[in-house]
PDB file of N, CA and C in Angstrom:
ATOM      1  N   MET A   1       9.901 -15.007  -0.353  1.00  0.00           N
ATOM      2  CA  MET A   1       9.107 -16.161  -0.556  1.00  0.00           C
ATOM      3  C   MET A   1       8.597 -16.611  -2.017  1.00  0.00           C
ATOM      4  N   ASN A   2       8.670 -17.675  -2.318  1.00  0.00           N
ATOM      5  CA  ASN A   2       8.468 -17.950  -3.894  1.00  0.00           C
ATOM      6  C   ASN A   2       7.043 -17.818  -4.196  1.00  0.00           C
ATOM      7  N   ASP A   3       6.167 -18.070  -3.432  1.00  0.00           N
ATOM      8  CA  ASP A   3       4.664 -17.939  -3.669  1.00  0.00           C
ATOM      9  C   ASP A   3       4.143 -16.761  -3.340  1.00  0.00           C
ATOM     10  N   CYS A   4       4.590 -15.793  -2.647  1.00  0.00           N
ATOM     11  CA  CYS A   4       4.000 -14.558  -2.188  1.00  0.00           C
ATOM     12  C   CYS A   4       3.835 -13.601  -3.294  1.00  0.00           C
ATOM     13  N   ILE A   5       2.633 -13.182  -3.696  1.00  0.00           N
ATOM     14  CA  ILE A   5       2.273 -12.197  -4.698  1.00  0.00           C
ATOM     15  C   ILE A   5       3.058 -10.924  -4.439  1.00  0.00           C
ATOM     16  N   PHE A   6       3.138 -10.367  -3.099  1.00  0.00           N
ATOM     17  CA  PHE A   6       3.773  -9.117  -2.902  1.00  0.00           C
ATOM     18  C   PHE A   6       5.273  -9.084  -3.102  1.00  0.00           C
ATOM     19  N   CYS A   7       5.758 -10.311  -2.765  1.00  0.00           N
ATOM     20  CA  CYS A   7       7.289 -10.421  -3.092  1.00  0.00           C
ATOM     21  C   CYS A   7       7.595 -10.503  -4.770  1.00  0.00           C
ATOM     22  N   LYS A   8       6.620 -11.133  -5.334  1.00  0.00           N
ATOM     23  CA  LYS A   8       6.730 -11.131  -6.687  1.00  0.00           C
ATOM     24  C   LYS A   8       6.638  -9.572  -7.474  1.00  0.00           C
ATOM     25  N   ILE A   9       5.688  -8.930  -6.912  1.00  0.00           N
ATOM     26  CA  ILE A   9       5.648  -7.534  -7.262  1.00  0.00           C
ATOM     27  C   ILE A   9       6.722  -6.812  -7.090  1.00  0.00           C
ATOM     28  N   ILE A  10       7.326  -6.854  -5.797  1.00  0.00           N
ATOM     29  CA  ILE A  10       8.554  -6.135  -5.266  1.00  0.00           C
ATOM     30  C   ILE A  10       9.690  -6.624  -6.233  1.00  0.00           C
ATOM     31  N   ALA A  11       9.795  -7.761  -6.648  1.00  0.00           N
ATOM     32  CA  ALA A  11      10.848  -8.238  -7.553  1.00  0.00           C
ATOM     33  C   ALA A  11      10.656  -7.985  -9.039  1.00  0.00           C
ATOM     34  N   GLY A  12       9.603  -7.339  -9.257  1.00  0.00           N
ATOM     35  CA  GLY A  12       9.302  -7.024 -10.618  1.00  0.00           C
ATOM     36  C   GLY A  12       8.638  -8.094 -11.534  1.00  0.00           C
ATOM     37  N   GLU A  13       8.482  -9.141 -10.907  1.00  0.00           N
ATOM     38  CA  GLU A  13       7.872 -10.369 -11.679  1.00  0.00           C
ATOM     39  C   GLU A  13       6.376 -10.136 -12.073  1.00  0.00           C
ATOM     40  N   VAL A  14       5.621  -9.472 -11.337  1.00  0.00           N
ATOM     41  CA  VAL A  14       4.181  -9.072 -11.478  1.00  0.00           C
ATOM     42  C   VAL A  14       4.196  -7.493 -11.568  1.00  0.00           C
ATOM     43  N   PRO A  15       3.584  -7.126 -12.651  1.00  0.00           N
ATOM     44  CA  PRO A  15       3.419  -5.615 -12.737  1.00  0.00           C
ATOM     45  C   PRO A  15       2.442  -4.938 -11.703  1.00  0.00           C
ATOM     46  N   CYS A  16       2.563  -3.676 -11.503  1.00  0.00           N
ATOM     47  CA  CYS A  16       1.883  -2.952 -10.417  1.00  0.00           C
ATOM     48  C   CYS A  16       1.746  -1.591 -10.889  1.00  0.00           C
ATOM     49  N   TYR A  17       0.803  -0.825 -10.330  1.00  0.00           N
ATOM     50  CA  TYR A  17       0.439   0.630 -10.552  1.00  0.00           C
ATOM     51  C   TYR A  17       1.239   1.210  -9.367  1.00  0.00           C
ATOM     52  N   LYS A  18       2.697   1.559  -9.596  1.00  0.00           N
ATOM     53  CA  LYS A  18       3.272   1.983  -8.343  1.00  0.00           C
ATOM     54  C   LYS A  18       2.985   3.555  -8.127  1.00  0.00           C
ATOM     55  N   ILE A  19       2.887   3.936  -6.857  1.00  0.00           N
ATOM     56  CA  ILE A  19       2.479   5.169  -6.311  1.00  0.00           C
ATOM     57  C   ILE A  19       3.995   5.736  -5.632  1.00  0.00           C
ATOM     58  N   TYR A  20       4.675   4.708  -4.920  1.00  0.00           N
ATOM     59  CA  TYR A  20       5.770   5.187  -4.315  1.00  0.00           C
ATOM     60  C   TYR A  20       6.675   4.146  -3.977  1.00  0.00           C
ATOM     61  N   GLU A  21       8.170   4.453  -4.050  1.00  0.00           N
ATOM     62  CA  GLU A  21       9.065   3.332  -3.627  1.00  0.00           C
ATOM     63  C   GLU A  21      10.197   3.912  -3.106  1.00  0.00           C
ATOM     64  N   ASP A  22      10.788   3.398  -2.013  1.00  0.00           N
ATOM     65  CA  ASP A  22      11.991   3.807  -1.462  1.00  0.00           C
ATOM     66  C   ASP A  22      12.778   2.578  -1.265  1.00  0.00           C
ATOM     67  N   ASP A  23      14.052   2.533  -0.448  1.00  0.00           N
ATOM     68  CA  ASP A  23      14.814   1.480  -0.424  1.00  0.00           C
ATOM     69  C   ASP A  23      14.269   0.320   0.526  1.00  0.00           C
ATOM     70  N   TYR A  24      13.100   0.750   1.274  1.00  0.00           N
ATOM     71  CA  TYR A  24      12.533  -0.321   2.224  1.00  0.00           C
ATOM     72  C   TYR A  24      11.190  -0.620   1.849  1.00  0.00           C
ATOM     73  N   THR A  25      10.361   0.058   1.185  1.00  0.00           N
ATOM     74  CA  THR A  25       8.914   0.017   0.899  1.00  0.00           C
ATOM     75  C   THR A  25       8.644   0.066  -0.491  1.00  0.00           C
ATOM     76  N   LEU A  26       7.429  -0.437  -0.854  1.00  0.00           N
ATOM     77  CA  LEU A  26       6.837  -0.141  -2.179  1.00  0.00           C
ATOM     78  C   LEU A  26       5.383   0.040  -1.891  1.00  0.00           C
ATOM     79  N   ALA A  27       4.785   1.099  -2.526  1.00  0.00           N
ATOM     80  CA  ALA A  27       3.380   1.292  -2.520  1.00  0.00           C
ATOM     81  C   ALA A  27       2.759   1.398  -3.800  1.00  0.00           C
ATOM     82  N   PHE A  28       1.446   0.556  -4.077  1.00  0.00           N
ATOM     83  CA  PHE A  28       0.970   0.426  -5.234  1.00  0.00           C
ATOM     84  C   PHE A  28      -0.561   0.551  -5.126  1.00  0.00           C
ATOM     85  N   LEU A  29      -1.315   0.714  -6.170  1.00  0.00           N
ATOM     86  CA  LEU A  29      -2.624   0.715  -6.220  1.00  0.00           C
ATOM     87  C   LEU A  29      -3.148  -0.660  -6.116  1.00  0.00           C
ATOM     88  N   ASP A  30      -4.277  -1.006  -5.523  1.00  0.00           N
ATOM     89  CA  ASP A  30      -4.884  -2.232  -5.396  1.00  0.00           C
ATOM     90  C   ASP A  30      -5.523  -2.456  -6.771  1.00  0.00           C
ATOM     91  N   VAL A  31      -5.150  -3.719  -7.583  1.00  0.00           N
ATOM     92  CA  VAL A  31      -5.814  -3.709  -8.879  1.00  0.00           C
ATOM     93  C   VAL A  31      -7.174  -4.082  -8.742  1.00  0.00           C
ATOM     94  N   ALA A  32      -7.970  -4.389  -7.626  1.00  0.00           N
ATOM     95  CA  ALA A  32      -9.143  -4.749  -7.684  1.00  0.00           C
ATOM     96  C   ALA A  32     -10.005  -3.477  -7.978  1.00  0.00           C
ATOM     97  N   GLY A  33      -9.496  -2.227  -7.685  1.00  0.00           N
ATOM     98  CA  GLY A  33     -10.132  -1.008  -8.245  1.00  0.00           C
ATOM     99  C   GLY A  33     -11.569  -0.887  -7.407  1.00  0.00           C
ATOM    100  N   ASP A  34     -11.581  -1.301  -6.005  1.00  0.00           N
ATOM    101  CA  ASP A  34     -12.980  -1.473  -5.340  1.00  0.00           C
ATOM    102  C   ASP A  34     -13.090  -0.187  -4.755  1.00  0.00           C
ATOM    103  N   ALA A  35     -12.006   0.624  -4.589  1.00  0.00           N
ATOM    104  CA  ALA A  35     -12.186   1.928  -3.961  1.00  0.00           C
ATOM    105  C   ALA A  35     -11.255   2.922  -4.577  1.00  0.00           C
ATOM    106  N   PHE A  36     -11.671   4.197  -4.673  1.00  0.00           N
ATOM    107  CA  PHE A  36     -10.655   5.171  -5.443  1.00  0.00           C
ATOM    108  C   PHE A  36      -9.391   5.179  -4.710  1.00  0.00           C
ATOM    109  N   GLY A  37      -8.279   5.042  -5.315  1.00  0.00           N
ATOM    110  CA  GLY A  37      -6.993   5.250  -4.640  1.00  0.00           C
ATOM    111  C   GLY A  37      -6.560   4.153  -3.652  1.00  0.00           C
ATOM    112  N   HIS A  38      -7.341   3.202  -3.576  1.00  0.00           N
ATOM    113  CA  HIS A  38      -6.927   2.182  -2.521  1.00  0.00           C
ATOM    114  C   HIS A  38      -5.648   1.749  -2.699  1.00  0.00           C
ATOM    115  N   THR A  39      -4.661   2.088  -1.872  1.00  0.00           N
ATOM    116  CA  THR A  39      -3.233   1.931  -1.963  1.00  0.00           C
ATOM    117  C   THR A  39      -2.717   0.880  -0.875  1.00  0.00           C
ATOM    118  N   LEU A  40      -1.722   0.021  -1.433  1.00  0.00           N
ATOM    119  CA  LEU A  40      -1.106  -0.888  -0.413  1.00  0.00           C
ATOM    120  C   LEU A  40       0.369  -0.652  -0.348  1.00  0.00           C
ATOM    121  N   VAL A  41       0.820  -0.399   0.922  1.00  0.00           N
ATOM    122  CA  VAL A  41       2.096  -0.198   1.362  1.00  0.00           C
ATOM    123  C   VAL A  41       2.822  -1.295   1.920  1.00  0.00           C
ATOM    124  N   VAL A  42       3.872  -1.861   1.265  1.00  0.00           N
ATOM    125  CA  VAL A  42       4.427  -3.223   1.689  1.00  0.00           C
ATOM    126  C   VAL A  42       5.941  -2.958   2.053  1.00  0.00           C
ATOM    127  N   PRO A  43       6.458  -3.730   2.860  1.00  0.00           N
ATOM    128  CA  PRO A  43       7.901  -3.769   3.139  1.00  0.00           C
ATOM    129  C   PRO A  43       8.649  -4.605   2.052  1.00  0.00           C
ATOM    130  N   LYS A  44       9.842  -4.128   1.593  1.00  0.00           N
ATOM    131  CA  LYS A  44      10.552  -5.050   0.620  1.00  0.00           C
ATOM    132  C   LYS A  44      10.978  -6.388   1.334  1.00  0.00           C
ATOM    133  N   GLU A  45      11.125  -6.181   2.630  1.00  0.00           N
ATOM    134  CA  GLU A  45      11.596  -7.516   3.241  1.00  0.00           C
ATOM    135  C   GLU A  45      10.172  -8.332   3.769  1.00  0.00           C
ATOM    136  N   HIS A  46      10.391  -9.594   3.352  1.00  0.00           N
ATOM    137  CA  HIS A  46       9.214 -10.381   3.594  1.00  0.00           C
ATOM    138  C   HIS A  46       9.105 -10.673   5.191  1.00  0.00           C
ATOM    139  N   CYS A  47       7.926 -10.415   5.561  1.00  0.00           N
ATOM    140  CA  CYS A  47       7.546 -10.801   6.891  1.00  0.00           C
ATOM    141  C   CYS A  47       5.921 -10.766   6.905  1.00  0.00           C
ATOM    142  N   GLU A  48       5.331 -11.543   7.867  1.00  0.00           N
ATOM    143  CA  GLU A  48       3.885 -11.905   7.643  1.00  0.00           C
ATOM    144  C   GLU A  48       2.884 -10.841   8.099  1.00  0.00           C
ATOM    145  N   ASN A  49       3.158 -10.205   9.157  1.00  0.00           N
ATOM    146  CA  ASN A  49       2.482  -9.161   9.659  1.00  0.00           C
ATOM    147  C   ASN A  49       3.151  -8.244  10.676  1.00  0.00           C
ATOM    148  N   ILE A  50       2.402  -7.281  11.375  1.00  0.00           N
ATOM    149  CA  ILE A  50       3.285  -6.460  12.391  1.00  0.00           C
ATOM    150  C   ILE A  50       3.582  -7.389  13.617  1.00  0.00           C
ATOM    151  N   LEU A  51       3.056  -8.555  13.766  1.00  0.00           N
ATOM    152  CA  LEU A  51       3.427  -9.441  14.830  1.00  0.00           C
ATOM    153  C   LEU A  51       4.647 -10.021  14.802  1.00  0.00           C
ATOM    154  N   ASP A  52       5.241 -10.121  13.350  1.00  0.00           N
ATOM    155  CA  ASP A  52       6.600 -10.723  13.415  1.00  0.00           C
ATOM    156  C   ASP A  52       7.398  -9.822  12.718  1.00  0.00           C
ATOM    157  N   ALA A  53       7.121  -8.626  12.304  1.00  0.00           N
ATOM    158  CA  ALA A  53       8.043  -7.882  11.812  1.00  0.00           C
ATOM    159  C   ALA A  53       9.098  -7.058  12.841  1.00  0.00           C
ATOM    160  N   SER A  54      10.201  -6.830  12.249  1.00  0.00           N
ATOM    161  CA  SER A  54      11.105  -6.075  13.362  1.00  0.00           C
ATOM    162  C   SER A  54      10.624  -4.641  13.476  1.00  0.00           C
ATOM    163  N   ASP A  55      10.946  -4.180  14.567  1.00  0.00           N
ATOM    164  CA  ASP A  55      10.686  -2.564  14.864  1.00  0.00           C
ATOM    165  C   ASP A  55      11.267  -1.726  13.663  1.00  0.00           C
ATOM    166  N   GLU A  56      12.429  -1.932  13.083  1.00  0.00           N
ATOM    167  CA  GLU A  56      13.020  -1.258  11.922  1.00  0.00           C
ATOM    168  C   GLU A  56      12.177  -1.377  10.751  1.00  0.00           C
ATOM    169  N   CYS A  57      11.576  -2.503  10.427  1.00  0.00           N
ATOM    170  CA  CYS A  57      10.656  -2.577   9.293  1.00  0.00           C
ATOM    171  C   CYS A  57       9.389  -2.011   9.448  1.00  0.00           C
ATOM    172  N   ILE A  58       8.769  -2.076  10.597  1.00  0.00           N
ATOM    173  CA  ILE A  58       7.558  -1.344  11.071  1.00  0.00           C
ATOM    174  C   ILE A  58       7.845   0.160  10.887  1.00  0.00           C
ATOM    175  N   SER A  59       8.940   0.733  11.388  1.00  0.00           N
ATOM    176  CA  SER A  59       9.244   2.142  11.246  1.00  0.00           C
ATOM    177  C   SER A  59       9.354   2.583   9.831  1.00  0.00           C
ATOM    178  N   HIS A  60      10.013   1.889   8.978  1.00  0.00           N
ATOM    179  CA  HIS A  60      10.085   2.184   7.714  1.00  0.00           C
ATOM    180  C   HIS A  60       8.760   2.263   6.992  1.00  0.00           C
ATOM    181  N   VAL A  61       7.961   1.200   7.160  1.00  0.00           N
ATOM    182  CA  VAL A  61       6.676   1.107   6.425  1.00  0.00           C
ATOM    183  C   VAL A  61       5.703   2.226   6.945  1.00  0.00           C
ATOM    184  N   MET A  62       5.604   2.508   8.300  1.00  0.00           N
ATOM    185  CA  MET A  62       4.882   3.586   8.762  1.00  0.00           C
ATOM    186  C   MET A  62       5.309   4.969   8.346  1.00  0.00           C
ATOM    187  N   SER A  63       6.536   5.082   8.246  1.00  0.00           N
ATOM    188  CA  SER A  63       7.071   6.334   7.555  1.00  0.00           C
ATOM    189  C   SER A  63       6.593   6.544   6.075  1.00  0.00           C
ATOM    190  N   ALA A  64       6.536   5.479   5.440  1.00  0.00           N
ATOM    191  CA  ALA A  64       6.007   5.578   4.106  1.00  0.00           C
ATOM    192  C   ALA A  64       4.441   5.678   4.065  1.00  0.00           C
ATOM    193  N   VAL A  65       3.789   5.114   4.889  1.00  0.00           N
ATOM    194  CA  VAL A  65       2.192   5.361   5.025  1.00  0.00           C
ATOM    195  C   VAL A  65       1.988   6.663   5.330  1.00  0.00           C
ATOM    196  N   ARG A  66       2.777   7.340   6.227  1.00  0.00           N
ATOM    197  CA  ARG A  66       2.555   8.822   6.556  1.00  0.00           C
ATOM    198  C   ARG A  66       2.870   9.678   5.491  1.00  0.00           C
ATOM    199  N   LYS A  67       3.954   9.345   4.752  1.00  0.00           N
ATOM    200  CA  LYS A  67       4.387  10.367   3.620  1.00  0.00           C
ATOM    201  C   LYS A  67       3.282  10.179   2.660  1.00  0.00           C
ATOM    202  N   ILE A  68       2.729   8.976   2.096  1.00  0.00           N
ATOM    203  CA  ILE A  68       1.930   8.926   1.207  1.00  0.00           C
ATOM    204  C   ILE A  68       0.640   9.500   1.571  1.00  0.00           C
ATOM    205  N   SER A  69       0.179   9.293   2.757  1.00  0.00           N
ATOM    206  CA  SER A  69      -1.250   9.901   3.334  1.00  0.00           C
ATOM    207  C   SER A  69      -1.323  11.214   3.329  1.00  0.00           C
ATOM    208  N   THR A  70      -0.051  11.953   3.641  1.00  0.00           N
ATOM    209  CA  THR A  70      -0.006  13.361   3.790  1.00  0.00           C
ATOM    210  C   THR A  70       0.030  13.913   2.286  1.00  0.00           C
ATOM    211  N   HIS A  71       0.857  13.226   1.453  1.00  0.00           N
ATOM    212  CA  HIS A  71       0.819  13.650   0.160  1.00  0.00           C
ATOM    213  C   HIS A  71      -0.657  13.634  -0.582  1.00  0.00           C
ATOM    214  N   PHE A  72      -1.450  12.607  -0.283  1.00  0.00           N
ATOM    215  CA  PHE A  72      -2.848  12.539  -0.697  1.00  0.00           C
ATOM    216  C   PHE A  72      -3.711  13.692  -0.241  1.00  0.00           C
ATOM    217  N   VAL A  73      -3.550  14.122   1.033  1.00  0.00           N
ATOM    218  CA  VAL A  73      -4.298  15.017   1.663  1.00  0.00           C
ATOM    219  C   VAL A  73      -3.836  16.486   1.235  1.00  0.00           C
ATOM    220  N   ASP A  74      -2.433  16.705   1.103  1.00  0.00           N
ATOM    221  CA  ASP A  74      -1.919  17.932   0.754  1.00  0.00           C
ATOM    222  C   ASP A  74      -1.857  18.147  -0.679  1.00  0.00           C
ATOM    223  N   ASN A  75      -1.833  17.335  -1.405  1.00  0.00           N
ATOM    224  CA  ASN A  75      -1.669  17.507  -3.127  1.00  0.00           C
ATOM    225  C   ASN A  75      -2.674  16.826  -3.815  1.00  0.00           C
ATOM    226  N   CYS A  76      -3.559  16.035  -3.506  1.00  0.00           N
ATOM    227  CA  CYS A  76      -4.385  15.267  -4.357  1.00  0.00           C
ATOM    228  C   CYS A  76      -5.916  15.522  -3.997  1.00  0.00           C
ATOM    229  N   ASP A  77      -6.205  16.674  -3.387  1.00  0.00           N
ATOM    230  CA  ASP A  77      -7.642  16.989  -3.222  1.00  0.00           C
ATOM    231  C   ASP A  77      -8.462  15.859  -2.384  1.00  0.00           C
ATOM    232  N   ILE A  78      -7.712  15.176  -1.529  1.00  0.00           N
ATOM    233  CA  ILE A  78      -8.291  14.031  -0.559  1.00  0.00           C
ATOM    234  C   ILE A  78      -8.521  14.869   0.751  1.00  0.00           C
ATOM    235  N   THR A  79      -9.419  14.555   1.438  1.00  0.00           N
ATOM    236  CA  THR A  79      -9.915  15.403   2.582  1.00  0.00           C
ATOM    237  C   THR A  79      -9.497  14.423   3.900  1.00  0.00           C
ATOM    238  N   GLY A  80      -9.164  13.335   3.568  1.00  0.00           N
ATOM    239  CA  GLY A  80      -8.709  12.325   4.867  1.00  0.00           C
ATOM    240  C   GLY A  80      -8.399  10.870   4.161  1.00  0.00           C
ATOM    241  N   VAL A  81      -7.766  10.056   5.179  1.00  0.00           N
ATOM    242  CA  VAL A  81      -7.378   8.758   4.707  1.00  0.00           C
ATOM    243  C   VAL A  81      -7.788   7.668   5.783  1.00  0.00           C
ATOM    244  N   ARG A  82      -8.094   6.699   5.380  1.00  0.00           N
ATOM    245  CA  ARG A  82      -8.259   5.499   6.383  1.00  0.00           C
ATOM    246  C   ARG A  82      -7.020   4.537   6.132  1.00  0.00           C
ATOM    247  N   VAL A  83      -6.381   4.124   7.281  1.00  0.00           N
ATOM    248  CA  VAL A  83      -5.284   3.192   7.468  1.00  0.00           C
ATOM    249  C   VAL A  83      -5.682   1.988   8.134  1.00  0.00           C
ATOM    250  N   ILE A  84      -5.489   0.621   7.275  1.00  0.00           N
ATOM    251  CA  ILE A  84      -5.775  -0.636   7.985  1.00  0.00           C
ATOM    252  C   ILE A  84      -4.784  -1.498   7.631  1.00  0.00           C
ATOM    253  N   SER A  85      -4.397  -2.323   8.598  1.00  0.00           N
ATOM    254  CA  SER A  85      -3.536  -3.646   8.515  1.00  0.00           C
ATOM    255  C   SER A  85      -4.204  -4.710   9.388  1.00  0.00           C
ATOM    256  N   ASN A  86      -4.644  -5.824   8.425  1.00  0.00           N
ATOM    257  CA  ASN A  86      -5.200  -7.027   9.037  1.00  0.00           C
ATOM    258  C   ASN A  86      -4.026  -8.008   9.399  1.00  0.00           C
ATOM    259  N   CYS A  87      -4.053  -8.551  10.609  1.00  0.00           N
ATOM    260  CA  CYS A  87      -3.166  -9.442  11.098  1.00  0.00           C
ATOM    261  C   CYS A  87      -3.680 -10.668  11.430  1.00  0.00           C
ATOM    262  N   LYS A  88      -3.253 -11.787  10.558  1.00  0.00           N
ATOM    263  CA  LYS A  88      -3.714 -13.063  10.640  1.00  0.00           C
ATOM    264  C   LYS A  88      -4.972 -13.249   9.798  1.00  0.00           C
ATOM    265  N   GLU A  89      -5.040 -14.427   9.451  1.00  0.00           N
ATOM    266  CA  GLU A  89      -6.237 -14.919   8.681  1.00  0.00           C
ATOM    267  C   GLU A  89      -7.675 -14.634   9.329  1.00  0.00           C
ATOM    268  N   SER A  90      -7.737 -14.832  10.630  1.00  0.00           N
ATOM    269  CA  SER A  90      -8.832 -14.632  11.249  1.00  0.00           C
ATOM    270  C   SER A  90      -9.271 -13.160  11.408  1.00  0.00           C
ATOM    271  N   ALA A  91      -8.282 -12.392  11.264  1.00  0.00           N
ATOM    272  CA  ALA A  91      -8.671 -10.814  11.219  1.00  0.00           C
ATOM    273  C   ALA A  91      -8.756 -10.229   9.875  1.00  0.00           C
ATOM    274  N   GLY A  92      -8.825 -11.234   8.747  1.00  0.00           N
ATOM    275  CA  GLY A  92      -9.110 -10.791   7.519  1.00  0.00           C
ATOM    276  C   GLY A  92      -7.916 -10.508   6.615  1.00  0.00           C
ATOM    277  N   GLN A  93      -6.693 -11.070   6.979  1.00  0.00           N
ATOM    278  CA  GLN A  93      -5.596 -10.893   6.284  1.00  0.00           C
ATOM    279  C   GLN A  93      -5.446 -11.889   5.163  1.00  0.00           C
ATOM    280  N   SER A  94      -5.355 -11.471   3.985  1.00  0.00           N
ATOM    281  CA  SER A  94      -5.595 -12.486   2.814  1.00  0.00           C
ATOM    282  C   SER A  94      -4.203 -12.664   2.019  1.00  0.00           C
ATOM    283  N   VAL A  95      -3.242 -11.835   2.177  1.00  0.00           N
ATOM    284  CA  VAL A  95      -1.887 -11.967   1.753  1.00  0.00           C
ATOM    285  C   VAL A  95      -1.105 -12.044   2.858  1.00  0.00           C
ATOM    286  N   MET A  96      -0.310 -12.992   3.069  1.00  0.00           N
ATOM    287  CA  MET A  96       0.483 -13.208   4.302  1.00  0.00           C
ATOM    288  C   MET A  96       2.041 -12.500   4.069  1.00  0.00           C
ATOM    289  N   HIS A  97       1.772 -11.283   3.747  1.00  0.00           N
ATOM    290  CA  HIS A  97       2.978 -10.390   3.694  1.00  0.00           C
ATOM    291  C   HIS A  97       2.402  -9.110   4.317  1.00  0.00           C
ATOM    292  N   LEU A  98       3.174  -8.577   5.232  1.00  0.00           N
ATOM    293  CA  LEU A  98       2.807  -7.339   5.900  1.00  0.00           C
ATOM    294  C   LEU A  98       2.240  -6.178   5.000  1.00  0.00           C
ATOM    295  N   HIS A  99       1.255  -5.672   5.177  1.00  0.00           N
ATOM    296  CA  HIS A  99       0.911  -4.567   4.166  1.00  0.00           C
ATOM    297  C   HIS A  99      -0.098  -3.808   4.982  1.00  0.00           C
ATOM    298  N   PHE A 100      -0.128  -2.365   4.605  1.00  0.00           N
ATOM    299  CA  PHE A 100      -1.194  -1.426   5.012  1.00  0.00           C
ATOM    300  C   PHE A 100      -1.903  -1.014   4.017  1.00  0.00           C
ATOM    301  N   HIS A 101      -3.093  -1.009   4.172  1.00  0.00           N
ATOM    302  CA  HIS A 101      -4.251  -0.214   3.211  1.00  0.00           C
ATOM    303  C   HIS A 101      -4.318   1.150   3.599  1.00  0.00           C
ATOM    304  N   ILE A 102      -4.233   1.896   2.386  1.00  0.00           N
ATOM    305  CA  ILE A 102      -4.451   3.343   2.492  1.00  0.00           C
ATOM    306  C   ILE A 102      -5.715   3.674   1.597  1.00  0.00           C
ATOM    307  N   TYR A 103      -6.664   4.119   2.399  1.00  0.00           N
ATOM    308  CA  TYR A 103      -8.175   4.433   1.530  1.00  0.00           C
ATOM    309  C   TYR A 103      -8.280   6.066   1.582  1.00  0.00           C
ATOM    310  N   PRO A 104      -8.100   6.533   0.439  1.00  0.00           N
ATOM    311  CA  PRO A 104      -8.218   8.149   0.396  1.00  0.00           C
ATOM    312  C   PRO A 104      -9.752   8.302   0.456  1.00  0.00           C
ATOM    313  N   MET A 105      -9.994   9.346   1.319  1.00  0.00           N
ATOM    314  CA  MET A 105     -11.520   9.572   1.408  1.00  0.00           C
ATOM    315  C   MET A 105     -11.820  11.048   0.825  1.00  0.00           C
ATOM    316  N   GLY A 106     -13.141  11.327   0.467  1.00  0.00           N
ATOM    317  CA  GLY A 106     -13.469  12.603   0.044  1.00  0.00           C
ATOM    318  C   GLY A 106     -13.132  12.824  -1.392  1.00  0.00           C
ATOM    319  N   GLN A 107     -13.095  11.783  -2.272  1.00  0.00           N
ATOM    320  CA  GLN A 107     -12.810  12.029  -3.687  1.00  0.00           C
ATOM    321  C   GLN A 107     -13.736  11.109  -4.352  1.00  0.00           C
ATOM    322  N   ASP A 108     -14.341  11.565  -5.590  1.00  0.00           N
ATOM    323  CA  ASP A 108     -15.168  10.805  -6.334  1.00  0.00           C
ATOM    324  C   ASP A 108     -14.419   9.632  -7.021  1.00  0.00           C
ATOM    325  N   VAL A 109     -15.133   8.397  -7.027  1.00  0.00           N
ATOM    326  CA  VAL A 109     -14.562   7.238  -7.507  1.00  0.00           C
ATOM    327  C   VAL A 109     -14.254   7.370  -8.902  1.00  0.00           C
ATOM    328  N   ASP A 110     -13.060   7.112  -9.448  1.00  0.00           N
ATOM    329  CA  ASP A 110     -12.784   6.908 -10.998  1.00  0.00           C
ATOM    330  C   ASP A 110     -12.030   5.616 -10.873  1.00  0.00           C
ATOM    331  N   CYS A 111     -12.602   4.658 -11.611  1.00  0.00           N
ATOM    332  CA  CYS A 111     -12.027   3.371 -11.545  1.00  0.00           C
ATOM    333  C   CYS A 111     -10.816   3.115 -12.697  1.00  0.00           C
ATOM    334  N   ASP A 112     -10.323   4.177 -13.313  1.00  0.00           N
ATOM    335  CA  ASP A 112      -9.162   4.071 -14.208  1.00  0.00           C
ATOM    336  C   ASP A 112      -7.945   4.155 -13.441  1.00  0.00           C
ATOM    337  N   LEU A 113      -7.376   3.084 -13.360  1.00  0.00           N
ATOM    338  CA  LEU A 113      -6.196   2.863 -12.499  1.00  0.00           C
ATOM    339  C   LEU A 113      -4.933   3.707 -13.051  1.00  0.00           C
ATOM    340  N   ASP A 114      -4.968   3.886 -14.273  1.00  0.00           N
ATOM    341  CA  ASP A 114      -3.786   4.708 -14.932  1.00  0.00           C
ATOM    342  C   ASP A 114      -4.072   6.244 -14.539  1.00  0.00           C
ATOM    343  N   LYS A 115      -5.235   6.682 -14.511  1.00  0.00           N
ATOM    344  CA  LYS A 115      -5.663   7.968 -14.089  1.00  0.00           C
ATOM    345  C   LYS A 115      -5.317   8.348 -12.711  1.00  0.00           C
ATOM    346  N   GLN A 116      -5.784   7.138 -11.852  1.00  0.00           N
ATOM    347  CA  GLN A 116      -5.461   7.119 -10.225  1.00  0.00           C
ATOM    348  C   GLN A 116      -3.981   7.353 -10.056  1.00  0.00           C
ATOM    349  N   ARG A 117      -3.315   6.397 -10.704  1.00  0.00           N
ATOM    350  CA  ARG A 117      -1.762   6.283 -10.519  1.00  0.00           C
ATOM    351  C   ARG A 117      -1.203   7.623 -10.877  1.00  0.00           C
ATOM    352  N   ASP A 118      -1.529   8.251 -11.980  1.00  0.00           N
ATOM    353  CA  ASP A 118      -0.935   9.394 -12.433  1.00  0.00           C
ATOM    354  C   ASP A 118      -1.277  10.601 -11.442  1.00  0.00           C
ATOM    355  N   MET A 119      -2.362  10.572 -10.990  1.00  0.00           N
ATOM    356  CA  MET A 119      -2.953  11.638 -10.000  1.00  0.00           C
ATOM    357  C   MET A 119      -2.246  11.562  -8.589  1.00  0.00           C
ATOM    358  N   LEU A 120      -2.139  10.367  -8.134  1.00  0.00           N
ATOM    359  CA  LEU A 120      -1.767   9.995  -6.576  1.00  0.00           C
ATOM    360  C   LEU A 120      -0.184   9.795  -6.452  1.00  0.00           C
ATOM    361  N   ARG A 121       0.481   9.567  -7.595  1.00  0.00           N
ATOM    362  CA  ARG A 121       2.033   9.147  -7.697  1.00  0.00           C
ATOM    363  C   ARG A 121       2.632  10.215  -6.659  1.00  0.00           C
ATOM    364  N   LEU A 122       3.749   9.998  -5.963  1.00  0.00           N
ATOM    365  CA  LEU A 122       4.549  10.807  -5.215  1.00  0.00           C
ATOM    366  C   LEU A 122       5.736  11.057  -6.044  1.00  0.00           C
TER     367      LEU A 122
END
């Protein structure tokens, strides 16, 4: 989609603080810096949310969410994670491209995104 910010990030047209990438997904830090390590995991294939994504797409995205979450807990001094996906505007979805938020818990907030990326990168 031409106007989708996540599609632009995936295409390399907009920079990001990349945490993880594979053939199907991309994970990057939320540039708002509102919470330590707030990571967005998106499929490279454009779909709006889990309601219209293929089973294969969901499987790839959730595999990446689990891999990143496990890495945070096992290797980054994180004690837990909160995983969220909002589906449709009425539920709080602001970017109409499927994405999951991973919020690392149990870590002091450091708003320096370069330091967070270096610490959390897989």
